[in-house]
Amino acid sequence: MRVEIKAKPAFAYLDVELQPGETIVAESDAMATMSATLDMKAKLNGGLLSGLLKKFFGGESLFINHFQNNTPQPLTLTLTQATPGDIEVKTLNGDSYCLQKGAYIASEPGVKLGLKWAGLGSFIGREGLFKLVVSGYGNVYFGAYGGIVEQHVEGEYIVDSGHLIAYEPTM
């Protein structure tokens, strides 16, 4: 699989090339264009109960799409987010990463989507009671309105919840 982030930082999108047999998982409204012979299956986002929890408490879609290349030649797909902005990638190696609601765009099949209690402060800040946690193995692609700036933090650092896109969970 080849995934390239293009048109950064204002109108970023994912240019995906799937080799025969490869699959990418994406948010239900992320597909902008795709090869006509690419197979797309909409699936519940982790089962009915889990999907409903992610929809109502995590701000994610009830369904996610699985795009699979079942042909003998490479096929292409373009994925994007609902608002113009930047896209980043995080490679997971058995670890976890937290995403704010609406930030998830796509991931490789080895990445699992889950929910984690975000706390009452997050709810008061209108970010919801739960946050999306991605874990497992593979790349996860996420985005936000506007540009994304990575900030390495040692010790305490305060960020308004409306400007926080993704972060490593604290132990």
C-alpha atoms as a PDB file:
ATOM      1  CA  MET A   1       0.000   0.000   0.000  1.00  0.00           C
ATOM      2  CA  ARG A   2       1.231   3.453  -0.883  1.00  0.00           C
ATOM      3  CA  VAL A   3      -0.377   6.406   0.892  1.00  0.00           C
ATOM      4  CA  GLU A   4       0.782   9.938   0.212  1.00  0.00           C
ATOM      5  CA  ILE A   5      -0.503  13.092   1.892  1.00  0.00           C
ATOM      6  CA  LYS A   6      -0.866  15.781  -0.761  1.00  0.00           C
ATOM      7  CA  ALA A   7      -1.801  19.509  -0.824  1.00  0.00           C
ATOM      8  CA  LYS A   8      -0.658  20.197   2.775  1.00  0.00           C
ATOM      9  CA  PRO A   9      -1.450  22.156   4.882  1.00  0.00           C
ATOM     10  CA  ALA A  10      -4.630  23.873   3.700  1.00  0.00           C
ATOM     11  CA  PHE A  11      -6.445  21.297   1.542  1.00  0.00           C
ATOM     12  CA  ALA A  12      -4.697  18.024   2.385  1.00  0.00           C
ATOM     13  CA  TYR A  13      -5.963  14.699   1.088  1.00  0.00           C
ATOM     14  CA  LEU A  14      -4.725  11.109   0.991  1.00  0.00           C
ATOM     15  CA  ASP A  15      -3.681   9.652  -2.352  1.00  0.00           C
ATOM     16  CA  VAL A  16      -3.900   5.870  -1.826  1.00  0.00           C
ATOM     17  CA  GLU A  17      -2.711   3.102  -4.122  1.00  0.00           C
ATOM     18  CA  LEU A  18      -3.818  -0.383  -3.087  1.00  0.00           C
ATOM     19  CA  GLN A  19      -1.955  -3.384  -4.435  1.00  0.00           C
ATOM     20  CA  PRO A  20      -3.921  -6.585  -5.151  1.00  0.00           C
ATOM     21  CA  GLY A  21      -5.381  -7.968  -1.903  1.00  0.00           C
ATOM     22  CA  GLU A  22      -4.729  -4.834   0.160  1.00  0.00           C
ATOM     23  CA  THR A  23      -7.349  -3.048   2.281  1.00  0.00           C
ATOM     24  CA  ILE A  24      -7.662   0.368   3.907  1.00  0.00           C
ATOM     25  CA  VAL A  25     -10.327   1.339   6.461  1.00  0.00           C
ATOM     26  CA  ALA A  26     -11.824   4.849   6.310  1.00  0.00           C
ATOM     27  CA  GLU A  27     -14.424   7.082   7.918  1.00  0.00           C
ATOM     28  CA  SER A  28     -17.760   6.721   6.142  1.00  0.00           C
ATOM     29  CA  ASP A  29     -17.633  10.126   4.423  1.00  0.00           C
ATOM     30  CA  ALA A  30     -13.885  10.191   3.652  1.00  0.00           C
ATOM     31  CA  MET A  31     -13.938   8.807   0.080  1.00  0.00           C
ATOM     32  CA  ALA A  32     -13.659  11.537  -2.555  1.00  0.00           C
ATOM     33  CA  THR A  33     -12.755   9.385  -5.594  1.00  0.00           C
ATOM     34  CA  MET A  34     -11.963   5.743  -6.251  1.00  0.00           C
ATOM     35  CA  SER A  35     -11.240   3.305  -9.062  1.00  0.00           C
ATOM     36  CA  ALA A  36     -14.498   1.798 -10.314  1.00  0.00           C
ATOM     37  CA  THR A  37     -13.308  -1.776  -9.715  1.00  0.00           C
ATOM     38  CA  LEU A  38     -12.294  -1.191  -6.078  1.00  0.00           C
ATOM     39  CA  ASP A  39     -14.558  -3.036  -3.612  1.00  0.00           C
ATOM     40  CA  MET A  40     -16.130  -0.958  -0.843  1.00  0.00           C
ATOM     41  CA  LYS A  41     -18.005  -2.475   2.092  1.00  0.00           C
ATOM     42  CA  ALA A  42     -19.645  -0.441   4.845  1.00  0.00           C
ATOM     43  CA  LYS A  43     -19.360  -2.137   8.239  1.00  0.00           C
ATOM     44  CA  LEU A  44     -20.492  -1.205  11.718  1.00  0.00           C
ATOM     45  CA  ASN A  45     -17.731   0.612  13.552  1.00  0.00           C
ATOM     46  CA  GLY A  46     -16.789  -2.270  15.886  1.00  0.00           C
ATOM     47  CA  GLY A  47     -20.208  -3.920  16.169  1.00  0.00           C
ATOM     48  CA  LEU A  48     -23.636  -2.481  16.942  1.00  0.00           C
ATOM     49  CA  LEU A  49     -23.141  -1.448  20.577  1.00  0.00           C
ATOM     50  CA  SER A  50     -19.566  -0.256  20.073  1.00  0.00           C
ATOM     51  CA  GLY A  51     -20.571   1.582  16.886  1.00  0.00           C
ATOM     52  CA  LEU A  52     -23.446   3.335  18.649  1.00  0.00           C
ATOM     53  CA  LEU A  53     -21.170   4.361  21.523  1.00  0.00           C
ATOM     54  CA  LYS A  54     -18.574   5.749  19.082  1.00  0.00           C
ATOM     55  CA  LYS A  55     -21.319   7.589  17.177  1.00  0.00           C
ATOM     56  CA  PHE A  56     -23.066   9.213  20.129  1.00  0.00           C
ATOM     57  CA  PHE A  57     -20.227   9.607  22.629  1.00  0.00           C
ATOM     58  CA  GLY A  58     -17.111   9.739  20.454  1.00  0.00           C
ATOM     59  CA  GLY A  59     -18.391  11.858  17.565  1.00  0.00           C
ATOM     60  CA  GLU A  60     -17.471   9.202  14.982  1.00  0.00           C
ATOM     61  CA  SER A  61     -19.564   7.560  12.283  1.00  0.00           C
ATOM     62  CA  LEU A  62     -21.709   4.519  12.981  1.00  0.00           C
ATOM     63  CA  PHE A  63     -20.244   2.878   9.882  1.00  0.00           C
ATOM     64  CA  ILE A  64     -16.717   2.686   8.518  1.00  0.00           C
ATOM     65  CA  ASN A  65     -15.778   1.715   4.981  1.00  0.00           C
ATOM     66  CA  HIS A  66     -13.386  -1.055   4.015  1.00  0.00           C
ATOM     67  CA  PHE A  67     -11.825  -0.514   0.586  1.00  0.00           C
ATOM     68  CA  GLN A  68     -10.243  -3.662  -0.835  1.00  0.00           C
ATOM     69  CA  ASN A  69      -8.468  -4.327  -4.094  1.00  0.00           C
ATOM     70  CA  ASN A  70      -9.644  -7.709  -5.402  1.00  0.00           C
ATOM     71  CA  THR A  71      -8.172  -7.219  -8.876  1.00  0.00           C
ATOM     72  CA  PRO A  72      -4.741  -8.235 -10.243  1.00  0.00           C
ATOM     73  CA  GLN A  73      -3.579  -4.614 -10.763  1.00  0.00           C
ATOM     74  CA  PRO A  74      -3.023  -1.607  -8.435  1.00  0.00           C
ATOM     75  CA  LEU A  75      -6.076   0.611  -7.863  1.00  0.00           C
ATOM     76  CA  THR A  76      -6.341   4.168  -6.540  1.00  0.00           C
ATOM     77  CA  LEU A  77      -8.465   5.919  -3.962  1.00  0.00           C
ATOM     78  CA  THR A  78      -8.625   9.512  -2.702  1.00  0.00           C
ATOM     79  CA  LEU A  79      -9.596  10.115   0.928  1.00  0.00           C
ATOM     80  CA  THR A  80     -10.227  13.465   2.575  1.00  0.00           C
ATOM     81  CA  GLN A  81     -11.911  15.051   5.574  1.00  0.00           C
ATOM     82  CA  ALA A  82     -15.130  17.070   5.771  1.00  0.00           C
ATOM     83  CA  THR A  83     -13.404  20.422   6.341  1.00  0.00           C
ATOM     84  CA  PRO A  84     -10.338  21.868   4.591  1.00  0.00           C
ATOM     85  CA  GLY A  85      -7.185  21.473   6.594  1.00  0.00           C
ATOM     86  CA  ASP A  86      -4.142  19.413   7.349  1.00  0.00           C
ATOM     87  CA  ILE A  87      -3.640  15.639   7.636  1.00  0.00           C
ATOM     88  CA  GLU A  88      -0.993  13.765   9.609  1.00  0.00           C
ATOM     89  CA  VAL A  89      -0.053  10.103  10.026  1.00  0.00           C
ATOM     90  CA  LYS A  90       0.894   8.180  13.168  1.00  0.00           C
ATOM     91  CA  THR A  91       2.485   4.721  12.964  1.00  0.00           C
ATOM     92  CA  LEU A  92       1.338   2.437  15.775  1.00  0.00           C
ATOM     93  CA  ASN A  93       3.527  -0.444  16.931  1.00  0.00           C
ATOM     94  CA  GLY A  94       1.274  -2.014  19.535  1.00  0.00           C
ATOM     95  CA  ASP A  95       0.759   1.307  21.311  1.00  0.00           C
ATOM     96  CA  SER A  96      -2.246   3.640  21.624  1.00  0.00           C
ATOM     97  CA  TYR A  97      -2.995   7.154  20.462  1.00  0.00           C
ATOM     98  CA  CYS A  98      -5.911   9.428  21.390  1.00  0.00           C
ATOM     99  CA  LEU A  99      -7.820  11.440  18.789  1.00  0.00           C
ATOM    100  CA  GLN A 100     -10.341  14.198  19.290  1.00  0.00           C
ATOM    101  CA  LYS A 101     -13.808  13.607  17.858  1.00  0.00           C
ATOM    102  CA  GLY A 102     -13.939  13.962  14.096  1.00  0.00           C
ATOM    103  CA  ALA A 103     -10.151  13.747  13.630  1.00  0.00           C
ATOM    104  CA  TYR A 104     -10.022  10.123  12.410  1.00  0.00           C
ATOM    105  CA  ILE A 105      -9.881   9.714   8.620  1.00  0.00           C
ATOM    106  CA  ALA A 106      -8.437   6.283   7.835  1.00  0.00           C
ATOM    107  CA  SER A 107      -6.189   3.462   9.011  1.00  0.00           C
ATOM    108  CA  GLU A 108      -4.617   0.194   8.042  1.00  0.00           C
ATOM    109  CA  PRO A 109      -6.571  -2.963   8.991  1.00  0.00           C
ATOM    110  CA  GLY A 110      -4.303  -3.714  12.002  1.00  0.00           C
ATOM    111  CA  VAL A 111      -5.482  -0.555  13.784  1.00  0.00           C
ATOM    112  CA  LYS A 112      -8.400  -0.914  16.212  1.00  0.00           C
ATOM    113  CA  LEU A 113     -10.785   1.921  17.083  1.00  0.00           C
ATOM    114  CA  GLY A 114     -11.985   2.205  20.685  1.00  0.00           C
ATOM    115  CA  LEU A 115     -13.370   4.657  23.228  1.00  0.00           C
ATOM    116  CA  LYS A 116     -11.933   5.924  26.490  1.00  0.00           C
ATOM    117  CA  TRP A 117     -13.525   8.071  29.195  1.00  0.00           C
ATOM    118  CA  ALA A 118     -12.418  11.671  28.630  1.00  0.00           C
ATOM    119  CA  GLY A 119     -13.783  13.128  31.860  1.00  0.00           C
ATOM    120  CA  LEU A 120     -16.252  15.767  32.871  1.00  0.00           C
ATOM    121  CA  GLY A 121     -13.837  18.576  31.921  1.00  0.00           C
ATOM    122  CA  SER A 122     -13.885  17.375  28.337  1.00  0.00           C
ATOM    123  CA  PHE A 123     -17.685  17.368  28.378  1.00  0.00           C
ATOM    124  CA  ILE A 124     -17.819  20.912  29.772  1.00  0.00           C
ATOM    125  CA  GLY A 125     -15.376  21.956  27.029  1.00  0.00           C
ATOM    126  CA  ARG A 126     -17.897  20.561  24.473  1.00  0.00           C
ATOM    127  CA  GLU A 127     -15.491  17.818  23.395  1.00  0.00           C
ATOM    128  CA  GLY A 128     -17.681  14.968  24.677  1.00  0.00           C
ATOM    129  CA  LEU A 129     -17.488  12.446  27.500  1.00  0.00           C
ATOM    130  CA  PHE A 130     -15.334  10.014  25.537  1.00  0.00           C
ATOM    131  CA  LYS A 131     -12.322  10.212  23.257  1.00  0.00           C
ATOM    132  CA  LEU A 132     -11.401   7.950  20.369  1.00  0.00           C
ATOM    133  CA  VAL A 133      -8.425   5.688  21.054  1.00  0.00           C
ATOM    134  CA  VAL A 134      -6.630   3.994  18.183  1.00  0.00           C
ATOM    135  CA  SER A 135      -4.373   1.063  19.009  1.00  0.00           C
ATOM    136  CA  GLY A 136      -2.656  -1.888  17.392  1.00  0.00           C
ATOM    137  CA  TYR A 137      -0.300  -2.016  14.436  1.00  0.00           C
ATOM    138  CA  GLY A 138      -0.209   0.143  11.319  1.00  0.00           C
ATOM    139  CA  ASN A 139      -0.707   3.697  10.161  1.00  0.00           C
ATOM    140  CA  VAL A 140      -3.583   5.891  11.266  1.00  0.00           C
ATOM    141  CA  TYR A 141      -4.411   9.100   9.370  1.00  0.00           C
ATOM    142  CA  PHE A 142      -6.085  12.015  11.128  1.00  0.00           C
ATOM    143  CA  GLY A 143      -6.831  15.616  10.318  1.00  0.00           C
ATOM    144  CA  ALA A 144      -8.160  18.947  11.467  1.00  0.00           C
ATOM    145  CA  TYR A 145      -9.453  22.232  10.155  1.00  0.00           C
ATOM    146  CA  GLY A 146      -6.405  24.407   9.424  1.00  0.00           C
ATOM    147  CA  GLY A 147      -2.776  23.433   9.894  1.00  0.00           C
ATOM    148  CA  ILE A 148      -1.478  20.916  12.433  1.00  0.00           C
ATOM    149  CA  VAL A 149       1.557  21.760  14.563  1.00  0.00           C
ATOM    150  CA  GLU A 150       3.294  18.957  16.442  1.00  0.00           C
ATOM    151  CA  GLN A 151       4.396  19.908  19.946  1.00  0.00           C
ATOM    152  CA  HIS A 152       6.731  17.686  21.998  1.00  0.00           C
ATOM    153  CA  VAL A 153       5.921  18.066  25.681  1.00  0.00           C
ATOM    154  CA  GLU A 154       7.965  17.265  28.762  1.00  0.00           C
ATOM    155  CA  GLY A 155       6.194  17.922  32.034  1.00  0.00           C
ATOM    156  CA  GLU A 156       2.969  19.899  32.090  1.00  0.00           C
ATOM    157  CA  TYR A 157       1.645  21.816  29.108  1.00  0.00           C
ATOM    158  CA  ILE A 158      -1.802  23.375  28.765  1.00  0.00           C
ATOM    159  CA  VAL A 159      -3.701  23.219  25.469  1.00  0.00           C
ATOM    160  CA  ASP A 160      -7.300  24.318  24.993  1.00  0.00           C
ATOM    161  CA  SER A 161      -9.368  21.220  24.183  1.00  0.00           C
ATOM    162  CA  GLY A 162     -10.702  22.856  21.021  1.00  0.00           C
ATOM    163  CA  HIS A 163      -7.160  22.978  19.618  1.00  0.00           C
ATOM    164  CA  LEU A 164      -5.967  19.522  20.632  1.00  0.00           C
ATOM    165  CA  ILE A 165      -6.092  17.008  17.768  1.00  0.00           C
ATOM    166  CA  ALA A 166      -4.151  13.923  18.833  1.00  0.00           C
ATOM    167  CA  TYR A 167      -1.883  12.866  21.680  1.00  0.00           C
ATOM    168  CA  GLU A 168      -0.267   9.929  23.412  1.00  0.00           C
ATOM    169  CA  PRO A 169      -2.302   8.847  26.424  1.00  0.00           C
ATOM    170  CA  THR A 170      -0.852   9.320  29.892  1.00  0.00           C
ATOM    171  CA  MET A 171      -0.236   6.248  31.982  1.00  0.00           C
END
